[in-house]
Amino acid sequence: ENGQKVEGILEKSIDAEKGFETAAENSKSISLKNYFLEKSRQRGSFIAELKIELYKRDFTEAHSSGSLTGDVHRVWMDIKSALTGDNDEAMLEESIRGEKIAFKEFEQVLETEYLSLEMRNLLSKQYSIIKNDLETIKTIEDIQKYF
């Protein structure tokens, strides 16, 4: 099992958790704030599950601060938020872009890596959650239906 690829997903999940938290802090819309908080909590849960599976396999602890690309993504979201006057629509678009990148990374690891049954099941479950959210949430109006 390639722990590095899974640790990469863990790092990006840490980035996403922080990114969603930042977006929630900057959202004007209560429903969008609740959506971003829920997504941040969801990623926190992904992180805990991934760490347990990685530790079971004695992989080295993944970076707890996130990845370089994630830092860039977070900074870009902060800048975009400042430039657009905390534009909720822009933050949602940026978060969806980030989710599409995460989705592709999960897909690549699931398609190309040898994974234990437990890790494959865990990643498949998390992948399905991201996929479902991407199919369900495309606009602020969608969020207002659920949050």
Protein backbone atom coordinates (compact mmCIF):
# COMPACT_ATOMS: atom_id res chain seq x y z
CA GLU A 1 0.00 0.00 0.00
CA ASN A 2 1.39 3.39 -0.95
CA GLY A 3 1.14 5.50 2.19
CA GLN A 4 2.51 8.61 0.46
CA LYS A 5 -0.49 8.87 -1.85
CA VAL A 6 -2.89 8.46 1.06
CA GLU A 7 -0.88 10.98 3.12
CA GLY A 8 -1.30 13.37 0.17
CA ILE A 9 -5.07 13.00 0.49
CA LEU A 10 -4.74 13.55 4.25
CA GLU A 11 -2.77 16.78 3.69
CA LYS A 12 -5.33 18.06 1.22
CA SER A 13 -8.14 17.19 3.65
CA ILE A 14 -6.38 19.30 6.29
CA ASP A 15 -6.15 22.14 3.75
CA ALA A 16 -9.84 21.78 2.91
CA GLU A 17 -10.85 21.78 6.58
CA LYS A 18 -8.97 25.06 7.12
CA GLY A 19 -10.21 26.54 3.83
CA PHE A 20 -13.85 25.80 4.64
CA GLU A 21 -13.38 27.26 8.13
CA THR A 22 -11.93 30.46 6.63
CA ALA A 23 -14.79 30.64 4.12
CA ALA A 24 -17.35 30.23 6.94
CA GLU A 25 -15.75 33.12 8.84
CA ASN A 26 -16.06 35.35 5.75
CA SER A 27 -19.57 34.35 4.63
CA LYS A 28 -22.37 36.86 4.94
CA SER A 29 -25.15 34.37 4.22
CA ILE A 30 -26.13 32.26 7.24
CA SER A 31 -26.94 29.25 5.05
CA LEU A 32 -23.57 29.48 3.28
CA LYS A 33 -21.78 29.90 6.63
CA ASN A 34 -23.56 26.75 7.88
CA TYR A 35 -22.61 24.90 4.68
CA PHE A 36 -18.93 25.83 5.02
CA LEU A 37 -18.93 24.89 8.73
CA GLU A 38 -20.50 21.52 7.90
CA LYS A 39 -17.90 20.93 5.16
CA SER A 40 -15.11 21.83 7.61
CA ARG A 41 -16.51 19.39 10.21
CA GLN A 42 -16.85 16.74 7.51
CA ARG A 43 -13.19 17.15 6.59
CA GLY A 44 -12.22 16.94 10.26
CA SER A 45 -13.95 13.58 10.34
CA PHE A 46 -12.15 12.49 7.11
CA ILE A 47 -8.82 13.46 8.73
CA ALA A 48 -9.47 11.46 11.90
CA GLU A 49 -10.49 8.37 9.89
CA LEU A 50 -7.48 8.61 7.58
CA LYS A 51 -5.04 9.06 10.47
CA ILE A 52 -6.38 5.94 12.19
CA GLU A 53 -5.92 3.86 9.02
CA LEU A 54 -2.44 5.28 8.38
CA TYR A 55 -1.34 4.69 11.98
CA LYS A 56 -2.60 1.10 11.81
CA ARG A 57 -0.12 0.61 8.99
CA ASP A 58 2.77 2.33 10.80
CA PHE A 59 3.14 5.07 8.21
CA THR A 60 4.95 8.17 9.36
CA GLU A 61 2.69 10.90 10.62
CA ALA A 62 1.49 13.09 7.78
CA HIS A 63 2.15 16.81 7.97
CA SER A 64 -0.42 18.32 10.27
CA SER A 65 -0.16 21.77 8.72
CA GLY A 66 -1.42 20.85 5.26
CA SER A 67 0.28 20.96 1.89
CA LEU A 68 2.07 23.69 -0.01
CA THR A 69 -0.61 23.69 -2.73
CA GLY A 70 -3.23 23.92 0.00
CA ASP A 71 -1.50 26.95 1.50
CA VAL A 72 -1.53 28.54 -1.93
CA HIS A 73 -5.22 27.65 -2.32
CA ARG A 74 -6.08 29.11 1.12
CA VAL A 75 -4.13 32.30 0.46
CA TRP A 76 -5.84 32.67 -2.91
CA MET A 77 -9.25 32.28 -1.24
CA ASP A 78 -8.29 34.95 1.33
CA ILE A 79 -7.19 37.33 -1.43
CA LYS A 80 -10.28 36.69 -3.54
CA SER A 81 -12.45 37.26 -0.47
CA ALA A 82 -10.74 40.59 0.24
CA LEU A 83 -10.89 41.75 -3.38
CA THR A 84 -14.54 40.92 -3.84
CA GLY A 85 -15.68 42.30 -0.50
CA ASP A 86 -16.34 38.84 0.96
CA ASN A 87 -18.39 37.81 -2.05
CA ASP A 88 -20.27 34.66 -1.07
CA GLU A 89 -20.74 33.50 -4.65
CA ALA A 90 -17.00 33.79 -5.35
CA MET A 91 -16.13 31.82 -2.19
CA LEU A 92 -18.60 29.09 -3.13
CA GLU A 93 -17.14 28.88 -6.66
CA GLU A 94 -13.63 28.63 -5.22
CA SER A 95 -14.64 25.94 -2.74
CA ILE A 96 -16.28 23.92 -5.54
CA ARG A 97 -13.09 24.25 -7.58
CA GLY A 98 -11.14 22.88 -4.61
CA GLU A 99 -13.60 20.01 -4.21
CA LYS A 100 -13.23 19.07 -7.89
CA ILE A 101 -9.45 18.87 -7.39
CA ALA A 102 -9.92 16.68 -4.28
CA PHE A 103 -12.40 14.47 -6.16
CA LYS A 104 -9.87 13.86 -8.95
CA GLU A 105 -7.13 13.03 -6.46
CA PHE A 106 -9.33 10.50 -4.65
CA GLU A 107 -10.30 9.02 -8.02
CA GLN A 108 -6.67 8.69 -9.12
CA VAL A 109 -5.59 7.00 -5.89
CA LEU A 110 -8.56 4.61 -5.98
CA GLU A 111 -7.87 3.71 -9.63
CA THR A 112 -4.09 3.37 -9.55
CA GLU A 113 -2.94 2.38 -6.07
CA TYR A 114 -2.82 -0.93 -4.28
CA LEU A 115 -4.84 -0.34 -1.11
CA SER A 116 -5.86 -2.59 1.76
CA LEU A 117 -9.57 -3.40 1.81
CA GLU A 118 -10.07 -1.13 4.85
CA MET A 119 -8.29 1.82 3.21
CA ARG A 120 -10.09 1.28 -0.11
CA ASN A 121 -13.46 1.21 1.67
CA LEU A 122 -12.64 4.35 3.66
CA LEU A 123 -11.42 6.31 0.62
CA SER A 124 -14.40 5.11 -1.42
CA LYS A 125 -16.79 6.34 1.27
CA GLN A 126 -15.10 9.77 1.45
CA TYR A 127 -14.94 9.98 -2.35
CA SER A 128 -18.69 9.28 -2.55
CA ILE A 129 -19.45 12.06 -0.06
CA ILE A 130 -17.45 14.59 -2.11
CA LYS A 131 -19.06 13.35 -5.33
CA ASN A 132 -22.56 13.66 -3.88
CA ASP A 133 -21.87 17.20 -2.65
CA LEU A 134 -20.49 18.23 -6.05
CA GLU A 135 -23.61 16.86 -7.75
CA THR A 136 -25.96 18.52 -5.22
CA ILE A 137 -24.39 21.92 -4.50
CA LYS A 138 -23.66 24.17 -7.46
CA THR A 139 -25.14 27.53 -6.43
CA ILE A 140 -26.02 29.47 -3.29
CA GLU A 141 -29.67 28.67 -4.06
CA ASP A 142 -28.83 24.95 -3.74
CA ILE A 143 -27.28 25.61 -0.34
CA GLN A 144 -30.33 27.52 0.83
CA LYS A 145 -32.43 24.39 0.18
CA TYR A 146 -30.33 22.29 2.54
CA PHE A 147 -28.84 24.74 5.04
